[in-house]
Amino acid sequence: MEMVSRVSGNISILELKGRFDAYELKPVQEWFENNTSVSNPKLVINLAGVHFLDSSALASLVQGMKRSRDKNGDLHLCNLQQSVRIIFELTKINRAIDIFPSELEAVKAFNE
């Protein structure tokens, strides 16, 4: 899996590409740890390049959401491929984490 991390204003963005599964968790968990160490963390994860994720990846995202909300921040997801979106809908995680069609919309939602 490829990871690209960047910052837009006060929003940390992580773009993932490839398979997001148990073998790829550590760098994502480290990114969450680094970016939730501040108060009011605003996080966006762009999943446009992710074609597969497993239950451990889902758990990691939910944990990241909880960590950010514990610090009065939030986590937004964006650009889900249809196969990934279906997993979020079947597990009903889409009701807990805000999902946006584009990165721009995910970022803008923090400013509204």
C-alpha atoms as a PDB file:
ATOM      1  CA  MET A   1       0.000   0.000   0.000  1.00  0.00           C
ATOM      2  CA  GLU A   2       1.165   3.525  -0.758  1.00  0.00           C
ATOM      3  CA  MET A   3       0.634   6.415   1.663  1.00  0.00           C
ATOM      4  CA  VAL A   4       0.896  10.128   0.970  1.00  0.00           C
ATOM      5  CA  SER A   5       0.443  12.498   3.894  1.00  0.00           C
ATOM      6  CA  ARG A   6      -0.025  16.246   3.555  1.00  0.00           C
ATOM      7  CA  VAL A   7      -1.501  19.205   5.385  1.00  0.00           C
ATOM      8  CA  SER A   8      -4.034  21.724   4.079  1.00  0.00           C
ATOM      9  CA  GLY A   9      -4.305  24.588   6.562  1.00  0.00           C
ATOM     10  CA  ASN A  10      -5.067  22.875   9.864  1.00  0.00           C
ATOM     11  CA  ILE A  11      -6.353  19.666   8.255  1.00  0.00           C
ATOM     12  CA  SER A  12      -4.180  16.554   7.989  1.00  0.00           C
ATOM     13  CA  ILE A  13      -4.841  14.471   4.887  1.00  0.00           C
ATOM     14  CA  LEU A  14      -3.783  10.892   4.254  1.00  0.00           C
ATOM     15  CA  GLU A  15      -4.131   9.399   0.788  1.00  0.00           C
ATOM     16  CA  LEU A  16      -3.997   5.611   0.541  1.00  0.00           C
ATOM     17  CA  LYS A  17      -3.513   3.418  -2.535  1.00  0.00           C
ATOM     18  CA  GLY A  18      -3.666  -0.356  -2.845  1.00  0.00           C
ATOM     19  CA  ARG A  19      -4.838  -2.968  -0.363  1.00  0.00           C
ATOM     20  CA  PHE A  20      -5.581  -1.716   3.144  1.00  0.00           C
ATOM     21  CA  ASP A  21      -5.427  -4.792   5.355  1.00  0.00           C
ATOM     22  CA  ALA A  22      -3.811  -6.228   8.480  1.00  0.00           C
ATOM     23  CA  TYR A  23      -0.376  -6.225   6.844  1.00  0.00           C
ATOM     24  CA  GLU A  24      -0.559  -2.480   6.198  1.00  0.00           C
ATOM     25  CA  LEU A  25      -1.988  -1.245   9.517  1.00  0.00           C
ATOM     26  CA  LYS A  26       1.124  -0.088  11.335  1.00  0.00           C
ATOM     27  CA  PRO A  27       1.926   3.009   9.239  1.00  0.00           C
ATOM     28  CA  VAL A  28      -1.724   4.113   9.282  1.00  0.00           C
ATOM     29  CA  GLN A  29      -1.942   3.645  13.048  1.00  0.00           C
ATOM     30  CA  GLU A  30       1.273   5.657  13.459  1.00  0.00           C
ATOM     31  CA  TRP A  31      -0.232   8.417  11.294  1.00  0.00           C
ATOM     32  CA  PHE A  32      -3.301   8.475  13.558  1.00  0.00           C
ATOM     33  CA  GLU A  33      -1.103   8.610  16.686  1.00  0.00           C
ATOM     34  CA  ASN A  34       0.934  11.513  15.292  1.00  0.00           C
ATOM     35  CA  ASN A  35      -2.081  13.461  14.066  1.00  0.00           C
ATOM     36  CA  THR A  36      -4.323  12.958  17.104  1.00  0.00           C
ATOM     37  CA  SER A  37      -1.685  14.142  19.562  1.00  0.00           C
ATOM     38  CA  VAL A  38      -2.934  17.724  19.086  1.00  0.00           C
ATOM     39  CA  SER A  39      -6.217  19.161  20.282  1.00  0.00           C
ATOM     40  CA  ASN A  40      -9.049  19.436  17.772  1.00  0.00           C
ATOM     41  CA  PRO A  41      -7.472  17.185  15.115  1.00  0.00           C
ATOM     42  CA  LYS A  42      -9.147  17.485  11.715  1.00  0.00           C
ATOM     43  CA  LEU A  43      -8.351  14.408   9.661  1.00  0.00           C
ATOM     44  CA  VAL A  44      -9.245  13.403   6.115  1.00  0.00           C
ATOM     45  CA  ILE A  45      -8.464  10.008   4.627  1.00  0.00           C
ATOM     46  CA  ASN A  46      -8.711   9.802   0.855  1.00  0.00           C
ATOM     47  CA  LEU A  47      -9.481   6.209  -0.147  1.00  0.00           C
ATOM     48  CA  ALA A  48      -9.686   6.785  -3.921  1.00  0.00           C
ATOM     49  CA  GLY A  49      -6.868   4.329  -4.562  1.00  0.00           C
ATOM     50  CA  VAL A  50      -8.029   1.643  -2.125  1.00  0.00           C
ATOM     51  CA  HIS A  51      -9.679  -1.279  -3.869  1.00  0.00           C
ATOM     52  CA  PHE A  52      -9.791  -3.620  -0.855  1.00  0.00           C
ATOM     53  CA  LEU A  53      -9.928  -3.312   2.915  1.00  0.00           C
ATOM     54  CA  ASP A  54     -10.461  -5.887   5.610  1.00  0.00           C
ATOM     55  CA  SER A  55     -11.971  -5.862   9.096  1.00  0.00           C
ATOM     56  CA  SER A  56      -8.706  -4.805  10.726  1.00  0.00           C
ATOM     57  CA  ALA A  57      -8.566  -1.768   8.420  1.00  0.00           C
ATOM     58  CA  LEU A  58     -12.156  -0.895   9.347  1.00  0.00           C
ATOM     59  CA  ALA A  59     -11.293  -1.228  13.028  1.00  0.00           C
ATOM     60  CA  SER A  60      -8.279   1.037  12.536  1.00  0.00           C
ATOM     61  CA  LEU A  61     -10.440   3.723  10.920  1.00  0.00           C
ATOM     62  CA  VAL A  62     -13.024   3.516  13.700  1.00  0.00           C
ATOM     63  CA  GLN A  63     -10.248   3.749  16.306  1.00  0.00           C
ATOM     64  CA  GLY A  64      -8.824   6.785  14.505  1.00  0.00           C
ATOM     65  CA  MET A  65     -12.251   8.409  14.467  1.00  0.00           C
ATOM     66  CA  LYS A  66     -12.649   7.806  18.202  1.00  0.00           C
ATOM     67  CA  ARG A  67      -9.178   9.172  18.970  1.00  0.00           C
ATOM     68  CA  SER A  68      -9.859  12.326  16.977  1.00  0.00           C
ATOM     69  CA  ARG A  69     -13.287  12.847  18.546  1.00  0.00           C
ATOM     70  CA  ASP A  70     -11.838  12.316  22.031  1.00  0.00           C
ATOM     71  CA  LYS A  71      -9.672  15.373  21.281  1.00  0.00           C
ATOM     72  CA  ASN A  72     -12.662  17.400  19.979  1.00  0.00           C
ATOM     73  CA  GLY A  73     -11.754  16.736  16.355  1.00  0.00           C
ATOM     74  CA  ASP A  74     -13.152  14.465  13.687  1.00  0.00           C
ATOM     75  CA  LEU A  75     -12.309  12.120  10.836  1.00  0.00           C
ATOM     76  CA  HIS A  76     -13.749  12.418   7.335  1.00  0.00           C
ATOM     77  CA  LEU A  77     -13.372   9.810   4.610  1.00  0.00           C
ATOM     78  CA  CYS A  78     -13.636  10.505   0.901  1.00  0.00           C
ATOM     79  CA  ASN A  79     -13.475   9.052  -2.603  1.00  0.00           C
ATOM     80  CA  LEU A  80     -14.577   5.521  -1.736  1.00  0.00           C
ATOM     81  CA  GLN A  81     -14.616   3.058  -4.609  1.00  0.00           C
ATOM     82  CA  GLN A  82     -17.909   1.175  -4.929  1.00  0.00           C
ATOM     83  CA  SER A  83     -16.468  -2.084  -3.544  1.00  0.00           C
ATOM     84  CA  VAL A  84     -15.186  -0.251  -0.445  1.00  0.00           C
ATOM     85  CA  ARG A  85     -18.382   1.793  -0.041  1.00  0.00           C
ATOM     86  CA  ILE A  86     -20.425  -1.417   0.065  1.00  0.00           C
ATOM     87  CA  ILE A  87     -18.339  -2.685   2.994  1.00  0.00           C
ATOM     88  CA  PHE A  88     -18.983   0.547   4.907  1.00  0.00           C
ATOM     89  CA  GLU A  89     -22.707   0.279   4.195  1.00  0.00           C
ATOM     90  CA  LEU A  90     -22.971  -3.407   5.150  1.00  0.00           C
ATOM     91  CA  THR A  91     -21.162  -2.815   8.441  1.00  0.00           C
ATOM     92  CA  LYS A  92     -23.095   0.440   8.973  1.00  0.00           C
ATOM     93  CA  ILE A  93     -19.839   2.278   9.692  1.00  0.00           C
ATOM     94  CA  ASN A  94     -21.032   4.899   7.203  1.00  0.00           C
ATOM     95  CA  ARG A  95     -23.445   6.000   9.941  1.00  0.00           C
ATOM     96  CA  ALA A  96     -20.575   6.713  12.347  1.00  0.00           C
ATOM     97  CA  ILE A  97     -17.981   8.251  10.028  1.00  0.00           C
ATOM     98  CA  ASP A  98     -18.782  11.064   7.614  1.00  0.00           C
ATOM     99  CA  ILE A  99     -18.049  10.043   4.017  1.00  0.00           C
ATOM    100  CA  PHE A 100     -17.732  12.577   1.204  1.00  0.00           C
ATOM    101  CA  PRO A 101     -17.623  12.163  -2.579  1.00  0.00           C
ATOM    102  CA  SER A 102     -14.430  14.233  -2.922  1.00  0.00           C
ATOM    103  CA  GLU A 103     -11.461  15.382  -0.883  1.00  0.00           C
ATOM    104  CA  LEU A 104     -12.433  19.001  -1.437  1.00  0.00           C
ATOM    105  CA  GLU A 105     -15.877  18.388   0.084  1.00  0.00           C
ATOM    106  CA  ALA A 106     -14.356  16.513   3.041  1.00  0.00           C
ATOM    107  CA  VAL A 107     -12.009  19.410   3.737  1.00  0.00           C
ATOM    108  CA  LYS A 108     -14.698  22.074   3.253  1.00  0.00           C
ATOM    109  CA  ALA A 109     -17.001  20.297   5.712  1.00  0.00           C
ATOM    110  CA  PHE A 110     -14.587  21.153   8.534  1.00  0.00           C
ATOM    111  CA  ASN A 111     -14.969  24.841   7.781  1.00  0.00           C
ATOM    112  CA  GLU A 112     -18.774  24.844   7.849  1.00  0.00           C
END
